Amino acid sequence: MHVPVLSGIARRSCWTKKAPLTSGVRSQLRAGTPYLRKGRPYFASTVHRPQSTGRLPGGEFLAVAPLWVVPSDFQQLRVYRLAVALSDEIYAAVERWPNFAKNSLGWQLIRSVDSIGANIAEASGRHGPADRRRFLIIARGSLYETEHWIGRAEARGLLPHGSAARLDEIGKPLSGLIRRPV
């Protein structure tokens, strides 16, 4: 990817947190374009603030954030793929429920089952094994919460009996990851 390097004036004026955009900076830096600062890629965007100091009409300020491109490997994990597949199936089932059940039990069930995959993904982005283990334990807690909500849905006739058996497919590899986080 080609990343343009800004001139010294543009870099100095746009690096502060609330540096107003000047016409020179606007010509070199457009919102949504990456640029290099001290050899590292950064991503620039304009932020419109109505409560600005009034230095510029419209209250435009430049927001600069590091652009770190880190490859994600959580999608390769079998336990993550199983959690996402279960989440999609539960979502499709909840869509067909009556409104009262969907708005009470359904939302809780969807949130808990979505949280399993989200915490597995977040664990893979953590640096140390202790931090990864913590998020995997949170994912296991979401798995238990999902088991509770599926049990309630089965008892109320919203899901067929035996739906919670799919959770064992996720629980075993998740426990293995907790014992030895990658």
N, C-alpha and C. Protein backbone atom coordinates (compact mmCIF):
# COMPACT_ATOMS: atom_id res chain seq x y z
N MET A 1 0.85 -1.18 0.00
CA MET A 1 0.00 0.00 0.00
C MET A 1 0.89 1.23 0.00
N HIS A 2 0.63 2.17 -0.89
CA HIS A 2 1.38 3.41 -0.94
C HIS A 2 0.79 4.40 0.06
N VAL A 3 1.62 4.91 0.93
CA VAL A 3 1.17 5.86 1.95
C VAL A 3 1.91 7.16 1.74
N PRO A 4 1.21 8.28 1.46
CA PRO A 4 1.89 9.55 1.23
C PRO A 4 2.51 10.09 2.52
N VAL A 5 3.62 10.81 2.36
CA VAL A 5 4.27 11.45 3.49
C VAL A 5 3.95 12.94 3.42
N LEU A 6 3.44 13.49 4.50
CA LEU A 6 3.10 14.90 4.53
C LEU A 6 4.34 15.74 4.73
N SER A 7 4.27 16.99 4.29
CA SER A 7 5.38 17.90 4.52
C SER A 7 5.47 18.24 5.99
N GLY A 8 6.60 18.80 6.41
CA GLY A 8 6.83 19.12 7.81
C GLY A 8 5.79 20.06 8.39
N ILE A 9 5.33 21.05 7.62
CA ILE A 9 4.33 22.01 8.13
C ILE A 9 3.02 21.30 8.41
N ALA A 10 2.58 20.47 7.50
CA ALA A 10 1.31 19.77 7.70
C ALA A 10 1.40 18.83 8.87
N ARG A 11 2.53 18.12 8.99
CA ARG A 11 2.67 17.19 10.10
C ARG A 11 2.64 17.92 11.44
N ARG A 12 3.38 19.02 11.54
CA ARG A 12 3.42 19.75 12.81
C ARG A 12 2.07 20.32 13.17
N SER A 13 1.35 20.84 12.20
CA SER A 13 0.08 21.48 12.51
C SER A 13 -1.04 20.47 12.76
N CYS A 14 -0.90 19.24 12.29
CA CYS A 14 -2.00 18.30 12.46
C CYS A 14 -1.73 17.28 13.56
N TRP A 15 -0.57 17.31 14.20
CA TRP A 15 -0.29 16.28 15.18
C TRP A 15 -0.94 16.54 16.52
N THR A 16 -1.16 17.79 16.87
CA THR A 16 -1.78 18.06 18.16
C THR A 16 -3.21 17.54 18.15
N LYS A 17 -3.76 17.31 19.34
CA LYS A 17 -5.09 16.70 19.43
C LYS A 17 -6.17 17.54 18.76
N LYS A 18 -6.11 18.84 18.93
CA LYS A 18 -7.16 19.69 18.39
C LYS A 18 -6.59 20.73 17.44
N ALA A 19 -5.71 20.31 16.56
CA ALA A 19 -5.13 21.24 15.61
C ALA A 19 -6.16 21.58 14.54
N PRO A 20 -6.48 22.87 14.37
CA PRO A 20 -7.45 23.22 13.32
C PRO A 20 -6.87 22.96 11.94
N LEU A 21 -7.74 22.58 11.02
CA LEU A 21 -7.30 22.35 9.65
C LEU A 21 -7.08 23.68 8.96
N THR A 22 -5.95 23.83 8.33
CA THR A 22 -5.69 25.01 7.52
C THR A 22 -5.81 24.62 6.07
N SER A 23 -5.87 25.59 5.19
CA SER A 23 -6.04 25.26 3.78
C SER A 23 -4.86 24.46 3.26
N GLY A 24 -3.64 24.71 3.77
CA GLY A 24 -2.48 23.94 3.34
C GLY A 24 -2.58 22.49 3.75
N VAL A 25 -3.07 22.25 4.95
CA VAL A 25 -3.22 20.88 5.42
C VAL A 25 -4.32 20.18 4.64
N ARG A 26 -5.41 20.89 4.36
CA ARG A 26 -6.52 20.29 3.62
C ARG A 26 -6.07 19.82 2.24
N SER A 27 -5.15 20.59 1.61
CA SER A 27 -4.73 20.21 0.27
C SER A 27 -3.86 18.95 0.31
N GLN A 28 -3.12 18.74 1.42
CA GLN A 28 -2.26 17.58 1.50
C GLN A 28 -2.94 16.37 2.14
N LEU A 29 -3.90 16.63 3.02
CA LEU A 29 -4.46 15.55 3.82
C LEU A 29 -5.97 15.56 3.67
N ARG A 30 -6.50 14.48 3.17
CA ARG A 30 -7.95 14.35 3.05
C ARG A 30 -8.42 13.32 4.06
N ALA A 31 -9.64 13.49 4.52
CA ALA A 31 -10.20 12.53 5.48
C ALA A 31 -10.23 11.15 4.86
N GLY A 32 -9.84 10.18 5.65
CA GLY A 32 -9.87 8.80 5.19
C GLY A 32 -8.61 8.34 4.49
N THR A 33 -7.56 9.18 4.43
CA THR A 33 -6.34 8.77 3.77
C THR A 33 -5.25 8.51 4.81
N PRO A 34 -4.50 7.44 4.65
CA PRO A 34 -3.39 7.20 5.57
C PRO A 34 -2.19 8.05 5.20
N TYR A 35 -1.34 8.35 6.15
CA TYR A 35 -0.10 9.04 5.88
C TYR A 35 0.95 8.56 6.87
N LEU A 36 2.22 8.84 6.60
CA LEU A 36 3.30 8.40 7.46
C LEU A 36 3.75 9.52 8.39
N ARG A 37 4.00 9.19 9.63
CA ARG A 37 4.60 10.10 10.59
C ARG A 37 5.67 9.31 11.33
N LYS A 38 6.90 9.76 11.20
CA LYS A 38 8.05 9.08 11.81
C LYS A 38 8.08 7.60 11.40
N GLY A 39 7.78 7.32 10.14
CA GLY A 39 7.86 5.97 9.63
C GLY A 39 6.68 5.08 9.94
N ARG A 40 5.69 5.56 10.72
CA ARG A 40 4.53 4.74 11.06
C ARG A 40 3.30 5.24 10.31
N PRO A 41 2.45 4.33 9.84
CA PRO A 41 1.23 4.77 9.15
C PRO A 41 0.19 5.29 10.14
N TYR A 42 -0.47 6.37 9.78
CA TYR A 42 -1.55 6.94 10.57
C TYR A 42 -2.72 7.18 9.66
N PHE A 43 -3.90 7.28 10.26
CA PHE A 43 -5.13 7.45 9.51
C PHE A 43 -5.75 8.78 9.93
N ALA A 44 -6.06 9.63 8.99
CA ALA A 44 -6.58 10.95 9.32
C ALA A 44 -8.06 11.04 8.99
N SER A 45 -8.78 11.77 9.83
CA SER A 45 -10.19 12.03 9.55
C SER A 45 -10.55 13.37 10.15
N THR A 46 -11.51 14.04 9.56
CA THR A 46 -11.95 15.31 10.12
C THR A 46 -13.11 15.06 11.06
N VAL A 47 -13.15 15.83 12.12
CA VAL A 47 -14.20 15.71 13.12
C VAL A 47 -14.90 17.05 13.20
N HIS A 48 -16.21 17.05 13.08
CA HIS A 48 -16.98 18.29 13.17
C HIS A 48 -17.51 18.42 14.58
N ARG A 49 -17.14 19.50 15.25
CA ARG A 49 -17.60 19.73 16.62
C ARG A 49 -18.34 21.04 16.69
N PRO A 50 -19.63 21.02 17.00
CA PRO A 50 -20.38 22.27 17.08
C PRO A 50 -19.93 23.15 18.24
N GLN A 51 -19.36 22.56 19.29
CA GLN A 51 -18.93 23.34 20.44
C GLN A 51 -17.45 23.73 20.31
N SER A 52 -16.96 23.91 19.07
CA SER A 52 -15.55 24.19 18.86
C SER A 52 -15.20 25.60 19.35
N THR A 53 -13.90 25.89 19.34
CA THR A 53 -13.43 27.18 19.81
C THR A 53 -13.75 28.30 18.83
N GLY A 54 -14.20 27.96 17.66
CA GLY A 54 -14.60 28.97 16.69
C GLY A 54 -13.46 29.47 15.84
N ARG A 55 -12.32 28.82 15.87
CA ARG A 55 -11.20 29.26 15.05
C ARG A 55 -11.49 29.09 13.56
N LEU A 56 -12.21 28.04 13.24
CA LEU A 56 -12.56 27.80 11.84
C LEU A 56 -14.07 27.71 11.71
N PRO A 57 -14.63 28.23 10.62
CA PRO A 57 -16.06 28.07 10.42
C PRO A 57 -16.40 26.59 10.27
N GLY A 58 -17.46 26.17 10.90
CA GLY A 58 -17.88 24.78 10.84
C GLY A 58 -17.25 23.92 11.90
N GLY A 59 -16.25 24.45 12.60
CA GLY A 59 -15.65 23.71 13.70
C GLY A 59 -14.91 22.46 13.28
N GLU A 60 -14.17 22.50 12.16
CA GLU A 60 -13.44 21.32 11.72
C GLU A 60 -12.14 21.20 12.49
N PHE A 61 -11.87 19.99 12.95
CA PHE A 61 -10.62 19.67 13.60
C PHE A 61 -10.10 18.38 12.99
N LEU A 62 -8.82 18.19 13.10
CA LEU A 62 -8.22 17.00 12.55
C LEU A 62 -8.02 15.98 13.66
N ALA A 63 -8.53 14.77 13.46
CA ALA A 63 -8.31 13.69 14.40
C ALA A 63 -7.37 12.69 13.75
N VAL A 64 -6.31 12.35 14.44
CA VAL A 64 -5.32 11.45 13.90
C VAL A 64 -5.20 10.25 14.82
N ALA A 65 -5.30 9.06 14.26
CA ALA A 65 -5.20 7.84 15.05
C ALA A 65 -4.23 6.89 14.37
N PRO A 66 -3.50 6.08 15.14
CA PRO A 66 -2.59 5.12 14.53
C PRO A 66 -3.34 4.11 13.68
N LEU A 67 -2.76 3.76 12.57
CA LEU A 67 -3.35 2.77 11.67
C LEU A 67 -2.53 1.49 11.80
N TRP A 68 -2.97 0.60 12.66
CA TRP A 68 -2.27 -0.66 12.87
C TRP A 68 -3.03 -1.74 12.13
N VAL A 69 -2.37 -2.36 11.22
CA VAL A 69 -2.98 -3.45 10.48
C VAL A 69 -2.41 -4.74 11.06
N VAL A 70 -3.23 -5.43 11.83
CA VAL A 70 -2.82 -6.66 12.48
C VAL A 70 -3.67 -7.79 11.94
N PRO A 71 -3.04 -8.82 11.41
CA PRO A 71 -3.84 -9.93 10.90
C PRO A 71 -4.54 -10.65 12.05
N SER A 72 -5.79 -11.00 11.84
CA SER A 72 -6.54 -11.70 12.88
C SER A 72 -6.57 -13.19 12.56
N ASP A 73 -6.34 -14.00 13.59
CA ASP A 73 -6.33 -15.43 13.38
C ASP A 73 -7.46 -16.14 14.11
N PHE A 74 -8.31 -15.39 14.80
CA PHE A 74 -9.39 -16.02 15.57
C PHE A 74 -10.40 -16.71 14.67
N GLN A 75 -10.53 -16.26 13.43
CA GLN A 75 -11.51 -16.87 12.54
C GLN A 75 -11.10 -18.28 12.11
N GLN A 76 -9.84 -18.62 12.33
CA GLN A 76 -9.37 -19.97 12.00
C GLN A 76 -9.68 -20.97 13.12
N LEU A 77 -10.01 -20.46 14.31
CA LEU A 77 -10.27 -21.34 15.45
C LEU A 77 -11.60 -22.08 15.25
N ARG A 78 -11.57 -23.37 15.46
CA ARG A 78 -12.77 -24.20 15.31
C ARG A 78 -13.86 -23.76 16.29
N VAL A 79 -13.47 -23.46 17.53
CA VAL A 79 -14.45 -23.08 18.54
C VAL A 79 -15.13 -21.76 18.16
N TYR A 80 -14.40 -20.85 17.55
CA TYR A 80 -15.01 -19.59 17.10
C TYR A 80 -16.01 -19.86 15.99
N ARG A 81 -15.65 -20.68 15.03
CA ARG A 81 -16.58 -20.99 13.93
C ARG A 81 -17.84 -21.67 14.43
N LEU A 82 -17.70 -22.57 15.41
CA LEU A 82 -18.87 -23.23 16.00
C LEU A 82 -19.76 -22.22 16.72
N ALA A 83 -19.14 -21.29 17.46
CA ALA A 83 -19.91 -20.28 18.19
C ALA A 83 -20.67 -19.37 17.23
N VAL A 84 -20.04 -18.99 16.14
CA VAL A 84 -20.71 -18.13 15.16
C VAL A 84 -21.85 -18.87 14.47
N ALA A 85 -21.63 -20.13 14.14
CA ALA A 85 -22.69 -20.92 13.50
C ALA A 85 -23.90 -21.06 14.43
N LEU A 86 -23.64 -21.34 15.71
CA LEU A 86 -24.74 -21.43 16.68
C LEU A 86 -25.46 -20.10 16.82
N SER A 87 -24.69 -19.03 16.84
CA SER A 87 -25.27 -17.70 16.96
C SER A 87 -26.22 -17.40 15.80
N ASP A 88 -25.78 -17.73 14.59
CA ASP A 88 -26.63 -17.49 13.42
C ASP A 88 -27.89 -18.34 13.45
N GLU A 89 -27.78 -19.58 13.90
CA GLU A 89 -28.95 -20.45 13.99
C GLU A 89 -29.94 -19.95 15.05
N ILE A 90 -29.42 -19.53 16.19
CA ILE A 90 -30.29 -19.02 17.25
C ILE A 90 -30.99 -17.75 16.78
N TYR A 91 -30.26 -16.88 16.10
CA TYR A 91 -30.86 -15.64 15.60
C TYR A 91 -32.00 -15.94 14.63
N ALA A 92 -31.79 -16.88 13.74
CA ALA A 92 -32.85 -17.24 12.78
C ALA A 92 -34.06 -17.83 13.49
N ALA A 93 -33.82 -18.61 14.55
CA ALA A 93 -34.94 -19.19 15.29
C ALA A 93 -35.72 -18.12 16.06
N VAL A 94 -34.99 -17.18 16.67
CA VAL A 94 -35.64 -16.14 17.48
C VAL A 94 -36.48 -15.21 16.60
N GLU A 95 -36.06 -15.01 15.36
CA GLU A 95 -36.83 -14.15 14.44
C GLU A 95 -38.26 -14.65 14.25
N ARG A 96 -38.48 -15.95 14.38
CA ARG A 96 -39.80 -16.53 14.15
C ARG A 96 -40.66 -16.58 15.41
N TRP A 97 -40.12 -16.17 16.54
CA TRP A 97 -40.86 -16.21 17.80
C TRP A 97 -41.91 -15.10 17.85
N PRO A 98 -42.95 -15.26 18.70
CA PRO A 98 -43.90 -14.16 18.91
C PRO A 98 -43.20 -12.96 19.53
N ASN A 99 -43.80 -11.79 19.37
CA ASN A 99 -43.15 -10.55 19.81
C ASN A 99 -42.78 -10.54 21.28
N PHE A 100 -43.66 -10.99 22.15
CA PHE A 100 -43.35 -10.94 23.59
C PHE A 100 -42.14 -11.80 23.91
N ALA A 101 -42.10 -13.01 23.38
CA ALA A 101 -40.97 -13.91 23.63
C ALA A 101 -39.69 -13.36 22.99
N LYS A 102 -39.82 -12.79 21.81
CA LYS A 102 -38.66 -12.22 21.13
C LYS A 102 -38.09 -11.04 21.92
N ASN A 103 -38.97 -10.19 22.44
CA ASN A 103 -38.51 -8.99 23.13
C ASN A 103 -38.03 -9.26 24.56
N SER A 104 -38.40 -10.36 25.14
CA SER A 104 -37.96 -10.64 26.51
C SER A 104 -36.84 -11.67 26.50
N LEU A 105 -37.15 -12.89 26.21
CA LEU A 105 -36.18 -13.98 26.25
C LEU A 105 -35.25 -13.96 25.04
N GLY A 106 -35.78 -13.64 23.88
CA GLY A 106 -35.00 -13.69 22.64
C GLY A 106 -33.79 -12.78 22.62
N TRP A 107 -33.98 -11.54 23.04
CA TRP A 107 -32.86 -10.60 23.04
C TRP A 107 -31.76 -11.05 23.99
N GLN A 108 -32.14 -11.55 25.16
CA GLN A 108 -31.14 -12.04 26.11
C GLN A 108 -30.37 -13.23 25.54
N LEU A 109 -31.09 -14.13 24.89
CA LEU A 109 -30.46 -15.30 24.30
C LEU A 109 -29.50 -14.90 23.19
N ILE A 110 -29.91 -14.00 22.33
CA ILE A 110 -29.05 -13.55 21.23
C ILE A 110 -27.81 -12.85 21.77
N ARG A 111 -27.99 -11.99 22.77
CA ARG A 111 -26.84 -11.28 23.33
C ARG A 111 -25.85 -12.25 23.96
N SER A 112 -26.34 -13.26 24.67
CA SER A 112 -25.42 -14.19 25.34
C SER A 112 -24.70 -15.08 24.32
N VAL A 113 -25.40 -15.54 23.29
CA VAL A 113 -24.76 -16.41 22.32
C VAL A 113 -23.79 -15.63 21.43
N ASP A 114 -24.10 -14.38 21.12
CA ASP A 114 -23.17 -13.54 20.36
C ASP A 114 -21.92 -13.22 21.18
N SER A 115 -22.08 -13.12 22.47
CA SER A 115 -20.97 -12.79 23.35
C SER A 115 -19.92 -13.90 23.39
N ILE A 116 -20.30 -15.13 23.13
CA ILE A 116 -19.33 -16.24 23.14
C ILE A 116 -18.27 -15.99 22.07
N GLY A 117 -18.71 -15.81 20.84
CA GLY A 117 -17.77 -15.58 19.74
C GLY A 117 -17.01 -14.27 19.88
N ALA A 118 -17.69 -13.23 20.38
CA ALA A 118 -17.03 -11.93 20.53
C ALA A 118 -15.89 -12.01 21.55
N ASN A 119 -16.09 -12.72 22.64
CA ASN A 119 -15.03 -12.83 23.64
C ASN A 119 -13.90 -13.73 23.18
N ILE A 120 -14.19 -14.74 22.38
CA ILE A 120 -13.12 -15.55 21.80
C ILE A 120 -12.28 -14.69 20.86
N ALA A 121 -12.94 -13.87 20.05
CA ALA A 121 -12.23 -12.97 19.15
C ALA A 121 -11.38 -11.97 19.93
N GLU A 122 -11.95 -11.41 20.97
CA GLU A 122 -11.20 -10.43 21.76
C GLU A 122 -10.03 -11.08 22.48
N ALA A 123 -10.18 -12.32 22.89
CA ALA A 123 -9.08 -13.03 23.55
C ALA A 123 -7.89 -13.20 22.61
N SER A 124 -8.18 -13.45 21.35
CA SER A 124 -7.08 -13.66 20.40
C SER A 124 -6.31 -12.37 20.13
N GLY A 125 -6.93 -11.23 20.41
CA GLY A 125 -6.25 -9.96 20.20
C GLY A 125 -5.47 -9.48 21.40
N ARG A 126 -5.49 -10.22 22.48
CA ARG A 126 -4.77 -9.82 23.69
C ARG A 126 -3.33 -10.30 23.64
N HIS A 127 -2.47 -9.60 24.39
CA HIS A 127 -1.03 -9.84 24.29
C HIS A 127 -0.56 -11.06 25.07
N GLY A 128 -0.86 -11.10 26.35
CA GLY A 128 -0.32 -12.17 27.19
C GLY A 128 -1.30 -13.31 27.39
N PRO A 129 -0.80 -14.49 27.76
CA PRO A 129 -1.68 -15.63 27.96
C PRO A 129 -2.67 -15.44 29.11
N ALA A 130 -2.28 -14.70 30.15
CA ALA A 130 -3.20 -14.47 31.27
C ALA A 130 -4.39 -13.62 30.82
N ASP A 131 -4.12 -12.61 30.00
CA ASP A 131 -5.20 -11.76 29.51
C ASP A 131 -6.09 -12.53 28.54
N ARG A 132 -5.48 -13.37 27.69
CA ARG A 132 -6.27 -14.20 26.79
C ARG A 132 -7.15 -15.15 27.57
N ARG A 133 -6.60 -15.77 28.59
CA ARG A 133 -7.35 -16.72 29.42
C ARG A 133 -8.55 -16.02 30.07
N ARG A 134 -8.36 -14.79 30.52
CA ARG A 134 -9.46 -14.05 31.17
C ARG A 134 -10.64 -13.90 30.22
N PHE A 135 -10.38 -13.54 28.96
CA PHE A 135 -11.49 -13.37 28.01
C PHE A 135 -12.10 -14.72 27.61
N LEU A 136 -11.30 -15.76 27.57
CA LEU A 136 -11.85 -17.08 27.28
C LEU A 136 -12.74 -17.56 28.42
N ILE A 137 -12.39 -17.20 29.66
CA ILE A 137 -13.24 -17.55 30.80
C ILE A 137 -14.55 -16.76 30.74
N ILE A 138 -14.47 -15.52 30.29
CA ILE A 138 -15.70 -14.73 30.09
C ILE A 138 -16.57 -15.38 29.01
N ALA A 139 -15.93 -15.88 27.95
CA ALA A 139 -16.68 -16.58 26.89
C ALA A 139 -17.36 -17.82 27.45
N ARG A 140 -16.67 -18.53 28.35
CA ARG A 140 -17.30 -19.71 28.96
C ARG A 140 -18.49 -19.31 29.84
N GLY A 141 -18.37 -18.18 30.53
CA GLY A 141 -19.51 -17.67 31.29
C GLY A 141 -20.69 -17.35 30.40
N SER A 142 -20.41 -16.77 29.22
CA SER A 142 -21.49 -16.50 28.26
C SER A 142 -22.09 -17.80 27.73
N LEU A 143 -21.25 -18.83 27.63
CA LEU A 143 -21.75 -20.14 27.20
C LEU A 143 -22.74 -20.70 28.23
N TYR A 144 -22.41 -20.56 29.51
CA TYR A 144 -23.32 -21.01 30.56
C TYR A 144 -24.60 -20.18 30.58
N GLU A 145 -24.48 -18.88 30.34
CA GLU A 145 -25.68 -18.04 30.28
C GLU A 145 -26.55 -18.47 29.10
N THR A 146 -25.93 -18.77 27.98
CA THR A 146 -26.69 -19.23 26.81
C THR A 146 -27.40 -20.54 27.12
N GLU A 147 -26.71 -21.42 27.87
CA GLU A 147 -27.34 -22.68 28.26
C GLU A 147 -28.59 -22.42 29.10
N HIS A 148 -28.52 -21.45 29.99
CA HIS A 148 -29.69 -21.10 30.79
C HIS A 148 -30.84 -20.62 29.91
N TRP A 149 -30.56 -19.68 29.01
CA TRP A 149 -31.63 -19.11 28.18
C TRP A 149 -32.20 -20.15 27.22
N ILE A 150 -31.37 -21.04 26.71
CA ILE A 150 -31.89 -22.10 25.83
C ILE A 150 -32.78 -23.04 26.65
N GLY A 151 -32.40 -23.32 27.88
CA GLY A 151 -33.25 -24.15 28.75
C GLY A 151 -34.60 -23.50 29.00
N ARG A 152 -34.62 -22.20 29.21
CA ARG A 152 -35.89 -21.49 29.40
C ARG A 152 -36.72 -21.52 28.13
N ALA A 153 -36.06 -21.36 26.96
CA ALA A 153 -36.80 -21.38 25.69
C ALA A 153 -37.36 -22.77 25.40
N GLU A 154 -36.61 -23.81 25.76
CA GLU A 154 -37.12 -25.18 25.59
C GLU A 154 -38.31 -25.42 26.51
N ALA A 155 -38.22 -24.96 27.75
CA ALA A 155 -39.32 -25.16 28.70
C ALA A 155 -40.58 -24.44 28.26
N ARG A 156 -40.44 -23.33 27.57
CA ARG A 156 -41.60 -22.56 27.12
C ARG A 156 -42.05 -22.94 25.72
N GLY A 157 -41.45 -23.95 25.15
CA GLY A 157 -41.88 -24.45 23.85
C GLY A 157 -41.42 -23.60 22.68
N LEU A 158 -40.42 -22.76 22.87
CA LEU A 158 -39.94 -21.90 21.78
C LEU A 158 -38.84 -22.56 20.97
N LEU A 159 -38.09 -23.45 21.59
CA LEU A 159 -37.04 -24.21 20.91
C LEU A 159 -37.30 -25.69 21.15
N PRO A 160 -36.91 -26.55 20.21
CA PRO A 160 -37.10 -28.00 20.42
C PRO A 160 -36.18 -28.49 21.54
N HIS A 161 -36.64 -29.51 22.27
CA HIS A 161 -35.82 -30.09 23.34
C HIS A 161 -34.56 -30.70 22.74
N GLY A 162 -33.45 -30.50 23.44
CA GLY A 162 -32.16 -30.98 22.96
C GLY A 162 -31.35 -29.92 22.26
N SER A 163 -31.86 -28.70 22.20
CA SER A 163 -31.12 -27.62 21.54
C SER A 163 -29.83 -27.28 22.28
N ALA A 164 -29.82 -27.48 23.58
CA ALA A 164 -28.65 -27.14 24.38
C ALA A 164 -27.50 -28.12 24.17
N ALA A 165 -27.74 -29.24 23.50
CA ALA A 165 -26.69 -30.23 23.26
C ALA A 165 -25.58 -29.66 22.37
N ARG A 166 -25.92 -28.71 21.52
CA ARG A 166 -24.92 -28.09 20.65
C ARG A 166 -23.88 -27.32 21.44
N LEU A 167 -24.22 -26.92 22.67
CA LEU A 167 -23.28 -26.15 23.47
C LEU A 167 -22.08 -26.98 23.91
N ASP A 168 -22.25 -28.31 24.00
CA ASP A 168 -21.13 -29.17 24.35
C ASP A 168 -20.05 -29.14 23.28
N GLU A 169 -20.46 -28.99 22.01
CA GLU A 169 -19.50 -28.89 20.92
C GLU A 169 -18.60 -27.67 21.08
N ILE A 170 -19.12 -26.62 21.69
CA ILE A 170 -18.36 -25.40 21.89
C ILE A 170 -17.60 -25.46 23.22
N GLY A 171 -18.22 -26.04 24.23
CA GLY A 171 -17.65 -26.04 25.58
C GLY A 171 -16.35 -26.80 25.69
N LYS A 172 -16.24 -27.94 25.04
CA LYS A 172 -15.03 -28.75 25.16
C LYS A 172 -13.80 -28.08 24.55
N PRO A 173 -13.87 -27.61 23.29
CA PRO A 173 -12.68 -26.93 22.77
C PRO A 173 -12.40 -25.60 23.48
N LEU A 174 -13.44 -24.95 23.97
CA LEU A 174 -13.23 -23.71 24.72
C LEU A 174 -12.48 -23.98 26.02
N SER A 175 -12.82 -25.07 26.69
CA SER A 175 -12.09 -25.45 27.91
C SER A 175 -10.64 -25.78 27.59
N GLY A 176 -10.41 -26.40 26.44
CA GLY A 176 -9.04 -26.68 26.02
C GLY A 176 -8.25 -25.40 25.78
N LEU A 177 -8.89 -24.41 25.19
CA LEU A 177 -8.22 -23.12 24.98
C LEU A 177 -7.93 -22.42 26.29
N ILE A 178 -8.83 -22.56 27.25
CA ILE A 178 -8.62 -21.93 28.56
C ILE A 178 -7.41 -22.57 29.24
N ARG A 179 -7.28 -23.89 29.12
CA ARG A 179 -6.13 -24.58 29.74
C ARG A 179 -4.82 -24.16 29.08
N ARG A 180 -4.83 -24.03 27.75
CA ARG A 180 -3.62 -23.66 27.02
C ARG A 180 -3.97 -22.60 25.98
N PRO A 181 -4.05 -21.32 26.39
CA PRO A 181 -4.40 -20.28 25.42
C PRO A 181 -3.29 -20.10 24.39
N VAL A 182 -3.69 -19.99 23.14
CA VAL A 182 -2.71 -19.82 22.05
C VAL A 182 -2.27 -18.38 21.92
